[in-house]
Amino acid sequence: MRTVRFLPEAEIEFRESTLWYYTQQQGLELEFVRCIDECIERIKRTPALYPKVYKHLRRAVVKRFPYVVVYDFNGKEIIVFAVFHSRRDPKKFEKRN
């Protein structure tokens, strides 16, 4: 099974987004985390399935929430570059490459 590693910036985005959903509605942050986890599991099963969006970086859409997970992978590891709101400027995560 492939391991997953979040870059520090992606970890911060994920935590900030989870906190925002926590402030919006009771339990919504739990659903957000569940949907992100589900997306990561789909990536782990078939990482090459998702389209490349910038050089070698790929994007998987999160169900129910307007977020994408931007990642790269090699044979053993998936590296998450961003947990990104779909309305944000993608140039921000491209600089992490």
PDB file of N, CA and C in Angstrom:
ATOM      1  N   MET A   1       0.846  -1.187   0.000  1.00  0.00           N
ATOM      2  CA  MET A   1       0.000   0.000   0.000  1.00  0.00           C
ATOM      3  C   MET A   1       0.885   1.242   0.000  1.00  0.00           C
ATOM      4  N   ARG A   2       0.493   2.217  -0.782  1.00  0.00           N
ATOM      5  CA  ARG A   2       1.255   3.465  -0.855  1.00  0.00           C
ATOM      6  C   ARG A   2       1.055   4.298   0.408  1.00  0.00           C
ATOM      7  N   THR A   3       2.103   4.991   0.796  1.00  0.00           N
ATOM      8  CA  THR A   3       1.984   5.928   1.910  1.00  0.00           C
ATOM      9  C   THR A   3       1.608   7.293   1.364  1.00  0.00           C
ATOM     10  N   VAL A   4       1.055   8.124   2.228  1.00  0.00           N
ATOM     11  CA  VAL A   4       0.640   9.476   1.851  1.00  0.00           C
ATOM     12  C   VAL A   4       1.373  10.457   2.753  1.00  0.00           C
ATOM     13  N   ARG A   5       1.963  11.466   2.115  1.00  0.00           N
ATOM     14  CA  ARG A   5       2.662  12.520   2.859  1.00  0.00           C
ATOM     15  C   ARG A   5       2.124  13.872   2.395  1.00  0.00           C
ATOM     16  N   PHE A   6       1.699  14.682   3.338  1.00  0.00           N
ATOM     17  CA  PHE A   6       1.229  16.034   3.046  1.00  0.00           C
ATOM     18  C   PHE A   6       2.402  16.991   3.174  1.00  0.00           C
ATOM     19  N   LEU A   7       2.599  17.858   2.190  1.00  0.00           N
ATOM     20  CA  LEU A   7       3.540  18.960   2.362  1.00  0.00           C
ATOM     21  C   LEU A   7       2.991  19.868   3.462  1.00  0.00           C
ATOM     22  N   PRO A   8       3.854  20.579   4.162  1.00  0.00           N
ATOM     23  CA  PRO A   8       3.374  21.446   5.256  1.00  0.00           C
ATOM     24  C   PRO A   8       2.275  22.417   4.811  1.00  0.00           C
ATOM     25  N   GLU A   9       2.409  22.991   3.626  1.00  0.00           N
ATOM     26  CA  GLU A   9       1.393  23.935   3.134  1.00  0.00           C
ATOM     27  C   GLU A   9       0.038  23.253   2.954  1.00  0.00           C
ATOM     28  N   ALA A  10       0.054  22.022   2.454  1.00  0.00           N
ATOM     29  CA  ALA A  10      -1.186  21.270   2.253  1.00  0.00           C
ATOM     30  C   ALA A  10      -1.815  20.917   3.595  1.00  0.00           C
ATOM     31  N   GLU A  11      -0.997  20.561   4.556  1.00  0.00           N
ATOM     32  CA  GLU A  11      -1.492  20.254   5.906  1.00  0.00           C
ATOM     33  C   GLU A  11      -2.156  21.482   6.516  1.00  0.00           C
ATOM     34  N   ILE A  12      -1.552  22.639   6.357  1.00  0.00           N
ATOM     35  CA  ILE A  12      -2.130  23.880   6.875  1.00  0.00           C
ATOM     36  C   ILE A  12      -3.460  24.178   6.194  1.00  0.00           C
ATOM     37  N   GLU A  13      -3.509  24.047   4.864  1.00  0.00           N
ATOM     38  CA  GLU A  13      -4.768  24.276   4.134  1.00  0.00           C
ATOM     39  C   GLU A  13      -5.867  23.349   4.631  1.00  0.00           C
ATOM     40  N   PHE A  14      -5.521  22.088   4.808  1.00  0.00           N
ATOM     41  CA  PHE A  14      -6.498  21.107   5.261  1.00  0.00           C
ATOM     42  C   PHE A  14      -7.023  21.470   6.653  1.00  0.00           C
ATOM     43  N   ARG A  15      -6.139  21.821   7.554  1.00  0.00           N
ATOM     44  CA  ARG A  15      -6.549  22.192   8.915  1.00  0.00           C
ATOM     45  C   ARG A  15      -7.389  23.461   8.924  1.00  0.00           C
ATOM     46  N   GLU A  16      -6.976  24.465   8.155  1.00  0.00           N
ATOM     47  CA  GLU A  16      -7.737  25.715   8.100  1.00  0.00           C
ATOM     48  C   GLU A  16      -9.127  25.498   7.513  1.00  0.00           C
ATOM     49  N   SER A  17      -9.223  24.679   6.491  1.00  0.00           N
ATOM     50  CA  SER A  17     -10.524  24.391   5.875  1.00  0.00           C
ATOM     51  C   SER A  17     -11.422  23.623   6.837  1.00  0.00           C
ATOM     52  N   THR A  18     -10.836  22.658   7.541  1.00  0.00           N
ATOM     53  CA  THR A  18     -11.602  21.897   8.524  1.00  0.00           C
ATOM     54  C   THR A  18     -12.131  22.823   9.615  1.00  0.00           C
ATOM     55  N   LEU A  19     -11.298  23.726  10.086  1.00  0.00           N
ATOM     56  CA  LEU A  19     -11.723  24.685  11.106  1.00  0.00           C
ATOM     57  C   LEU A  19     -12.830  25.587  10.584  1.00  0.00           C
ATOM     58  N   TRP A  20     -12.744  26.019   9.348  1.00  0.00           N
ATOM     59  CA  TRP A  20     -13.783  26.877   8.774  1.00  0.00           C
ATOM     60  C   TRP A  20     -15.121  26.137   8.755  1.00  0.00           C
ATOM     61  N   TYR A  21     -15.115  24.876   8.320  1.00  0.00           N
ATOM     62  CA  TYR A  21     -16.368  24.105   8.300  1.00  0.00           C
ATOM     63  C   TYR A  21     -16.893  23.876   9.716  1.00  0.00           C
ATOM     64  N   TYR A  22     -15.990  23.741  10.672  1.00  0.00           N
ATOM     65  CA  TYR A  22     -16.395  23.599  12.071  1.00  0.00           C
ATOM     66  C   TYR A  22     -17.194  24.818  12.526  1.00  0.00           C
ATOM     67  N   THR A  23     -16.799  25.994  12.085  1.00  0.00           N
ATOM     68  CA  THR A  23     -17.482  27.226  12.501  1.00  0.00           C
ATOM     69  C   THR A  23     -18.801  27.447  11.756  1.00  0.00           C
ATOM     70  N   GLN A  24     -19.028  26.709  10.685  1.00  0.00           N
ATOM     71  CA  GLN A  24     -20.214  26.924   9.869  1.00  0.00           C
ATOM     72  C   GLN A  24     -21.435  26.146  10.356  1.00  0.00           C
ATOM     73  N   GLN A  25     -21.219  24.893  10.742  1.00  0.00           N
ATOM     74  CA  GLN A  25     -22.346  24.040  11.127  1.00  0.00           C
ATOM     75  C   GLN A  25     -21.823  22.857  11.933  1.00  0.00           C
ATOM     76  N   GLN A  26     -22.533  22.524  12.979  1.00  0.00           N
ATOM     77  CA  GLN A  26     -22.106  21.421  13.840  1.00  0.00           C
ATOM     78  C   GLN A  26     -21.970  20.126  13.022  1.00  0.00           C
ATOM     79  N   GLY A  27     -20.809  19.517  13.119  1.00  0.00           N
ATOM     80  CA  GLY A  27     -20.565  18.244  12.453  1.00  0.00           C
ATOM     81  C   GLY A  27     -20.120  18.346  11.007  1.00  0.00           C
ATOM     82  N   LEU A  28     -20.195  19.527  10.415  1.00  0.00           N
ATOM     83  CA  LEU A  28     -19.831  19.658   9.004  1.00  0.00           C
ATOM     84  C   LEU A  28     -18.350  19.395   8.780  1.00  0.00           C
ATOM     85  N   GLU A  29     -17.516  19.760   9.757  1.00  0.00           N
ATOM     86  CA  GLU A  29     -16.086  19.504   9.632  1.00  0.00           C
ATOM     87  C   GLU A  29     -15.791  18.007   9.584  1.00  0.00           C
ATOM     88  N   LEU A  30     -16.584  17.207  10.283  1.00  0.00           N
ATOM     89  CA  LEU A  30     -16.400  15.751  10.260  1.00  0.00           C
ATOM     90  C   LEU A  30     -16.720  15.186   8.881  1.00  0.00           C
ATOM     91  N   GLU A  31     -17.759  15.720   8.260  1.00  0.00           N
ATOM     92  CA  GLU A  31     -18.115  15.296   6.905  1.00  0.00           C
ATOM     93  C   GLU A  31     -17.036  15.719   5.909  1.00  0.00           C
ATOM     94  N   PHE A  32     -16.495  16.912   6.092  1.00  0.00           N
ATOM     95  CA  PHE A  32     -15.414  17.385   5.230  1.00  0.00           C
ATOM     96  C   PHE A  32     -14.196  16.463   5.339  1.00  0.00           C
ATOM     97  N   VAL A  33     -13.800  16.144   6.558  1.00  0.00           N
ATOM     98  CA  VAL A  33     -12.653  15.256   6.768  1.00  0.00           C
ATOM     99  C   VAL A  33     -12.924  13.883   6.153  1.00  0.00           C
ATOM    100  N   ARG A  34     -14.145  13.377   6.323  1.00  0.00           N
ATOM    101  CA  ARG A  34     -14.503  12.077   5.739  1.00  0.00           C
ATOM    102  C   ARG A  34     -14.385  12.115   4.211  1.00  0.00           C
ATOM    103  N   CYS A  35     -14.839  13.181   3.598  1.00  0.00           N
ATOM    104  CA  CYS A  35     -14.766  13.303   2.140  1.00  0.00           C
ATOM    105  C   CYS A  35     -13.324  13.435   1.654  1.00  0.00           C
ATOM    106  N   ILE A  36     -12.502  14.156   2.386  1.00  0.00           N
ATOM    107  CA  ILE A  36     -11.075  14.254   2.028  1.00  0.00           C
ATOM    108  C   ILE A  36     -10.426  12.875   2.151  1.00  0.00           C
ATOM    109  N   ASP A  37     -10.711  12.181   3.254  1.00  0.00           N
ATOM    110  CA  ASP A  37     -10.156  10.835   3.448  1.00  0.00           C
ATOM    111  C   ASP A  37     -10.579   9.892   2.322  1.00  0.00           C
ATOM    112  N   GLU A  38     -11.831   9.982   1.936  1.00  0.00           N
ATOM    113  CA  GLU A  38     -12.338   9.151   0.843  1.00  0.00           C
ATOM    114  C   GLU A  38     -11.595   9.465  -0.458  1.00  0.00           C
ATOM    115  N   CYS A  39     -11.359  10.730  -0.713  1.00  0.00           N
ATOM    116  CA  CYS A  39     -10.624  11.142  -1.912  1.00  0.00           C
ATOM    117  C   CYS A  39      -9.198  10.593  -1.882  1.00  0.00           C
ATOM    118  N   ILE A  40      -8.552  10.691  -0.740  1.00  0.00           N
ATOM    119  CA  ILE A  40      -7.183  10.173  -0.600  1.00  0.00           C
ATOM    120  C   ILE A  40      -7.164   8.655  -0.841  1.00  0.00           C
ATOM    121  N   GLU A  41      -8.160   7.958  -0.338  1.00  0.00           N
ATOM    122  CA  GLU A  41      -8.227   6.509  -0.543  1.00  0.00           C
ATOM    123  C   GLU A  41      -8.393   6.170  -2.028  1.00  0.00           C
ATOM    124  N   ARG A  42      -9.199   6.954  -2.738  1.00  0.00           N
ATOM    125  CA  ARG A  42      -9.348   6.742  -4.195  1.00  0.00           C
ATOM    126  C   ARG A  42      -8.019   6.968  -4.894  1.00  0.00           C
ATOM    127  N   ILE A  43      -7.298   8.001  -4.490  1.00  0.00           N
ATOM    128  CA  ILE A  43      -5.986   8.285  -5.076  1.00  0.00           C
ATOM    129  C   ILE A  43      -5.036   7.128  -4.802  1.00  0.00           C
ATOM    130  N   LYS A  44      -5.039   6.615  -3.578  1.00  0.00           N
ATOM    131  CA  LYS A  44      -4.144   5.507  -3.224  1.00  0.00           C
ATOM    132  C   LYS A  44      -4.416   4.275  -4.087  1.00  0.00           C
ATOM    133  N   ARG A  45      -5.673   4.011  -4.382  1.00  0.00           N
ATOM    134  CA  ARG A  45      -6.026   2.835  -5.193  1.00  0.00           C
ATOM    135  C   ARG A  45      -5.584   2.977  -6.643  1.00  0.00           C
ATOM    136  N   THR A  46      -5.794   4.160  -7.218  1.00  0.00           N
ATOM    137  CA  THR A  46      -5.495   4.356  -8.643  1.00  0.00           C
ATOM    138  C   THR A  46      -4.927   5.751  -8.883  1.00  0.00           C
ATOM    139  N   PRO A  47      -3.701   5.994  -8.474  1.00  0.00           N
ATOM    140  CA  PRO A  47      -3.148   7.355  -8.561  1.00  0.00           C
ATOM    141  C   PRO A  47      -2.984   7.876  -9.986  1.00  0.00           C
ATOM    142  N   ALA A  48      -2.786   7.016 -10.950  1.00  0.00           N
ATOM    143  CA  ALA A  48      -2.589   7.478 -12.323  1.00  0.00           C
ATOM    144  C   ALA A  48      -3.906   7.810 -13.021  1.00  0.00           C
ATOM    145  N   LEU A  49      -5.021   7.533 -12.393  1.00  0.00           N
ATOM    146  CA  LEU A  49      -6.334   7.766 -12.994  1.00  0.00           C
ATOM    147  C   LEU A  49      -6.646   9.248 -13.185  1.00  0.00           C
ATOM    148  N   TYR A  50      -6.147  10.078 -12.295  1.00  0.00           N
ATOM    149  CA  TYR A  50      -6.538  11.487 -12.288  1.00  0.00           C
ATOM    150  C   TYR A  50      -5.661  12.313 -13.222  1.00  0.00           C
ATOM    151  N   PRO A  51      -6.244  13.370 -13.799  1.00  0.00           N
ATOM    152  CA  PRO A  51      -5.518  14.130 -14.827  1.00  0.00           C
ATOM    153  C   PRO A  51      -4.387  14.979 -14.263  1.00  0.00           C
ATOM    154  N   LYS A  52      -3.361  15.123 -15.080  1.00  0.00           N
ATOM    155  CA  LYS A  52      -2.290  16.054 -14.753  1.00  0.00           C
ATOM    156  C   LYS A  52      -2.803  17.463 -15.024  1.00  0.00           C
ATOM    157  N   VAL A  53      -2.523  18.356 -14.087  1.00  0.00           N
ATOM    158  CA  VAL A  53      -2.983  19.738 -14.231  1.00  0.00           C
ATOM    159  C   VAL A  53      -1.844  20.729 -14.312  1.00  0.00           C
ATOM    160  N   TYR A  54      -0.663  20.300 -13.882  1.00  0.00           N
ATOM    161  CA  TYR A  54       0.503  21.175 -13.955  1.00  0.00           C
ATOM    162  C   TYR A  54       1.737  20.291 -13.868  1.00  0.00           C
ATOM    163  N   LYS A  55       2.507  20.271 -14.921  1.00  0.00           N
ATOM    164  CA  LYS A  55       3.686  19.414 -14.999  1.00  0.00           C
ATOM    165  C   LYS A  55       3.321  18.000 -14.580  1.00  0.00           C
ATOM    166  N   HIS A  56       3.861  17.518 -13.473  1.00  0.00           N
ATOM    167  CA  HIS A  56       3.600  16.153 -13.023  1.00  0.00           C
ATOM    168  C   HIS A  56       2.495  16.081 -11.966  1.00  0.00           C
ATOM    169  N   LEU A  57       1.928  17.212 -11.568  1.00  0.00           N
ATOM    170  CA  LEU A  57       0.916  17.239 -10.512  1.00  0.00           C
ATOM    171  C   LEU A  57      -0.453  16.853 -11.059  1.00  0.00           C
ATOM    172  N   ARG A  58      -1.163  16.062 -10.274  1.00  0.00           N
ATOM    173  CA  ARG A  58      -2.499  15.590 -10.644  1.00  0.00           C
ATOM    174  C   ARG A  58      -3.535  16.167  -9.689  1.00  0.00           C
ATOM    175  N   ARG A  59      -4.793  16.112 -10.136  1.00  0.00           N
ATOM    176  CA  ARG A  59      -5.881  16.689  -9.346  1.00  0.00           C
ATOM    177  C   ARG A  59      -7.032  15.700  -9.238  1.00  0.00           C
ATOM    178  N   ALA A  60      -7.453  15.449  -8.001  1.00  0.00           N
ATOM    179  CA  ALA A  60      -8.637  14.628  -7.752  1.00  0.00           C
ATOM    180  C   ALA A  60      -9.688  15.510  -7.090  1.00  0.00           C
ATOM    181  N   VAL A  61     -10.910  15.438  -7.570  1.00  0.00           N
ATOM    182  CA  VAL A  61     -11.996  16.253  -7.048  1.00  0.00           C
ATOM    183  C   VAL A  61     -12.588  15.576  -5.816  1.00  0.00           C
ATOM    184  N   VAL A  62     -12.831  16.369  -4.778  1.00  0.00           N
ATOM    185  CA  VAL A  62     -13.444  15.881  -3.544  1.00  0.00           C
ATOM    186  C   VAL A  62     -14.948  15.909  -3.731  1.00  0.00           C
ATOM    187  N   LYS A  63     -15.604  14.820  -3.375  1.00  0.00           N
ATOM    188  CA  LYS A  63     -17.063  14.759  -3.478  1.00  0.00           C
ATOM    189  C   LYS A  63     -17.709  15.643  -2.424  1.00  0.00           C
ATOM    190  N   ARG A  64     -18.799  16.278  -2.806  1.00  0.00           N
ATOM    191  CA  ARG A  64     -19.664  17.100  -1.967  1.00  0.00           C
ATOM    192  C   ARG A  64     -19.122  18.477  -1.613  1.00  0.00           C
ATOM    193  N   PHE A  65     -17.823  18.655  -1.577  1.00  0.00           N
ATOM    194  CA  PHE A  65     -17.220  19.935  -1.199  1.00  0.00           C
ATOM    195  C   PHE A  65     -16.447  20.505  -2.393  1.00  0.00           C
ATOM    196  N   PRO A  66     -16.358  21.836  -2.507  1.00  0.00           N
ATOM    197  CA  PRO A  66     -15.685  22.441  -3.670  1.00  0.00           C
ATOM    198  C   PRO A  66     -14.160  22.460  -3.513  1.00  0.00           C
ATOM    199  N   TYR A  67     -13.589  21.286  -3.303  1.00  0.00           N
ATOM    200  CA  TYR A  67     -12.151  21.156  -3.078  1.00  0.00           C
ATOM    201  C   TYR A  67     -11.559  20.129  -4.015  1.00  0.00           C
ATOM    202  N   VAL A  68     -10.272  20.286  -4.247  1.00  0.00           N
ATOM    203  CA  VAL A  68      -9.500  19.290  -4.986  1.00  0.00           C
ATOM    204  C   VAL A  68      -8.259  18.949  -4.157  1.00  0.00           C
ATOM    205  N   VAL A  69      -7.761  17.743  -4.376  1.00  0.00           N
ATOM    206  CA  VAL A  69      -6.502  17.320  -3.784  1.00  0.00           C
ATOM    207  C   VAL A  69      -5.495  17.276  -4.924  1.00  0.00           C
ATOM    208  N   VAL A  70      -4.433  18.046  -4.799  1.00  0.00           N
ATOM    209  CA  VAL A  70      -3.382  18.115  -5.817  1.00  0.00           C
ATOM    210  C   VAL A  70      -2.201  17.310  -5.295  1.00  0.00           C
ATOM    211  N   TYR A  71      -1.718  16.384  -6.122  1.00  0.00           N
ATOM    212  CA  TYR A  71      -0.711  15.445  -5.637  1.00  0.00           C
ATOM    213  C   TYR A  71       0.218  14.980  -6.750  1.00  0.00           C
ATOM    214  N   ASP A  72       1.269  14.329  -6.339  1.00  0.00           N
ATOM    215  CA  ASP A  72       2.183  13.611  -7.224  1.00  0.00           C
ATOM    216  C   ASP A  72       2.381  12.242  -6.599  1.00  0.00           C
ATOM    217  N   PHE A  73       2.873  11.311  -7.372  1.00  0.00           N
ATOM    218  CA  PHE A  73       3.138   9.997  -6.801  1.00  0.00           C
ATOM    219  C   PHE A  73       4.309   9.341  -7.505  1.00  0.00           C
ATOM    220  N   ASN A  74       4.952   8.471  -6.755  1.00  0.00           N
ATOM    221  CA  ASN A  74       5.942   7.568  -7.325  1.00  0.00           C
ATOM    222  C   ASN A  74       5.470   6.165  -6.942  1.00  0.00           C
ATOM    223  N   GLY A  75       6.258   5.188  -7.101  1.00  0.00           N
ATOM    224  CA  GLY A  75       5.804   3.830  -6.829  1.00  0.00           C
ATOM    225  C   GLY A  75       5.382   3.571  -5.404  1.00  0.00           C
ATOM    226  N   LYS A  76       5.946   4.293  -4.449  1.00  0.00           N
ATOM    227  CA  LYS A  76       5.701   4.001  -3.041  1.00  0.00           C
ATOM    228  C   LYS A  76       4.956   5.089  -2.280  1.00  0.00           C
ATOM    229  N   GLU A  77       4.997   6.314  -2.780  1.00  0.00           N
ATOM    230  CA  GLU A  77       4.496   7.434  -1.987  1.00  0.00           C
ATOM    231  C   GLU A  77       3.632   8.373  -2.814  1.00  0.00           C
ATOM    232  N   ILE A  78       2.570   8.860  -2.173  1.00  0.00           N
ATOM    233  CA  ILE A  78       1.741   9.926  -2.727  1.00  0.00           C
ATOM    234  C   ILE A  78       2.061  11.169  -1.926  1.00  0.00           C
ATOM    235  N   ILE A  79       2.410  12.236  -2.626  1.00  0.00           N
ATOM    236  CA  ILE A  79       2.760  13.496  -1.976  1.00  0.00           C
ATOM    237  C   ILE A  79       1.652  14.501  -2.275  1.00  0.00           C
ATOM    238  N   VAL A  80       0.973  14.951  -1.234  1.00  0.00           N
ATOM    239  CA  VAL A  80      -0.118  15.916  -1.389  1.00  0.00           C
ATOM    240  C   VAL A  80       0.478  17.315  -1.346  1.00  0.00           C
ATOM    241  N   PHE A  81       0.310  18.040  -2.444  1.00  0.00           N
ATOM    242  CA  PHE A  81       0.819  19.403  -2.558  1.00  0.00           C
ATOM    243  C   PHE A  81      -0.197  20.437  -2.091  1.00  0.00           C
ATOM    244  N   ALA A  82      -1.495  20.101  -2.210  1.00  0.00           N
ATOM    245  CA  ALA A  82      -2.520  21.073  -1.843  1.00  0.00           C
ATOM    246  C   ALA A  82      -3.846  20.380  -1.574  1.00  0.00           C
ATOM    247  N   VAL A  83      -4.583  20.938  -0.620  1.00  0.00           N
ATOM    248  CA  VAL A  83      -6.004  20.651  -0.417  1.00  0.00           C
ATOM    249  C   VAL A  83      -6.640  21.992  -0.712  1.00  0.00           C
ATOM    250  N   PHE A  84      -7.157  22.115  -1.907  1.00  0.00           N
ATOM    251  CA  PHE A  84      -7.341  23.410  -2.532  1.00  0.00           C
ATOM    252  C   PHE A  84      -8.800  23.692  -2.859  1.00  0.00           C
ATOM    253  N   HIS A  85      -9.309  24.840  -2.419  1.00  0.00           N
ATOM    254  CA  HIS A  85     -10.664  25.244  -2.799  1.00  0.00           C
ATOM    255  C   HIS A  85     -10.670  25.506  -4.302  1.00  0.00           C
ATOM    256  N   SER A  86     -11.645  25.002  -4.972  1.00  0.00           N
ATOM    257  CA  SER A  86     -11.656  25.060  -6.440  1.00  0.00           C
ATOM    258  C   SER A  86     -11.781  26.473  -6.999  1.00  0.00           C
ATOM    259  N   ARG A  87     -12.139  27.447  -6.186  1.00  0.00           N
ATOM    260  CA  ARG A  87     -12.238  28.826  -6.673  1.00  0.00           C
ATOM    261  C   ARG A  87     -10.959  29.629  -6.473  1.00  0.00           C
ATOM    262  N   ARG A  88      -9.967  29.031  -5.834  1.00  0.00           N
ATOM    263  CA  ARG A  88      -8.713  29.758  -5.617  1.00  0.00           C
ATOM    264  C   ARG A  88      -7.837  29.707  -6.858  1.00  0.00           C
ATOM    265  N   ASP A  89      -6.901  30.592  -6.897  1.00  0.00           N
ATOM    266  CA  ASP A  89      -5.976  30.687  -8.026  1.00  0.00           C
ATOM    267  C   ASP A  89      -4.993  29.516  -7.980  1.00  0.00           C
ATOM    268  N   PRO A  90      -4.979  28.664  -9.008  1.00  0.00           N
ATOM    269  CA  PRO A  90      -4.073  27.507  -8.993  1.00  0.00           C
ATOM    270  C   PRO A  90      -2.594  27.883  -9.051  1.00  0.00           C
ATOM    271  N   LYS A  91      -2.268  29.096  -9.391  1.00  0.00           N
ATOM    272  CA  LYS A  91      -0.859  29.521  -9.413  1.00  0.00           C
ATOM    273  C   LYS A  91      -0.232  29.384  -8.027  1.00  0.00           C
ATOM    274  N   LYS A  92      -1.061  29.445  -6.964  1.00  0.00           N
ATOM    275  CA  LYS A  92      -0.527  29.353  -5.604  1.00  0.00           C
ATOM    276  C   LYS A  92       0.086  27.976  -5.342  1.00  0.00           C
ATOM    277  N   PHE A  93      -0.546  26.916  -5.802  1.00  0.00           N
ATOM    278  CA  PHE A  93       0.043  25.603  -5.535  1.00  0.00           C
ATOM    279  C   PHE A  93       1.114  25.256  -6.557  1.00  0.00           C
ATOM    280  N   GLU A  94       1.074  25.844  -7.731  1.00  0.00           N
ATOM    281  CA  GLU A  94       2.096  25.558  -8.741  1.00  0.00           C
ATOM    282  C   GLU A  94       3.473  25.977  -8.255  1.00  0.00           C
ATOM    283  N   LYS A  95       3.550  26.995  -7.413  1.00  0.00           N
ATOM    284  CA  LYS A  95       4.832  27.470  -6.901  1.00  0.00           C
ATOM    285  C   LYS A  95       5.453  26.486  -5.908  1.00  0.00           C
ATOM    286  N   ARG A  96       4.680  25.550  -5.399  1.00  0.00           N
ATOM    287  CA  ARG A  96       5.192  24.568  -4.437  1.00  0.00           C
ATOM    288  C   ARG A  96       5.970  23.461  -5.120  1.00  0.00           C
ATOM    289  N   ASN A  97       5.852  23.381  -6.405  1.00  0.00           N
ATOM    290  CA  ASN A  97       6.461  22.298  -7.165  1.00  0.00           C
ATOM    291  C   ASN A  97       7.970  22.398  -7.169  1.00  0.00           C
TER     292      ASN A  97
END
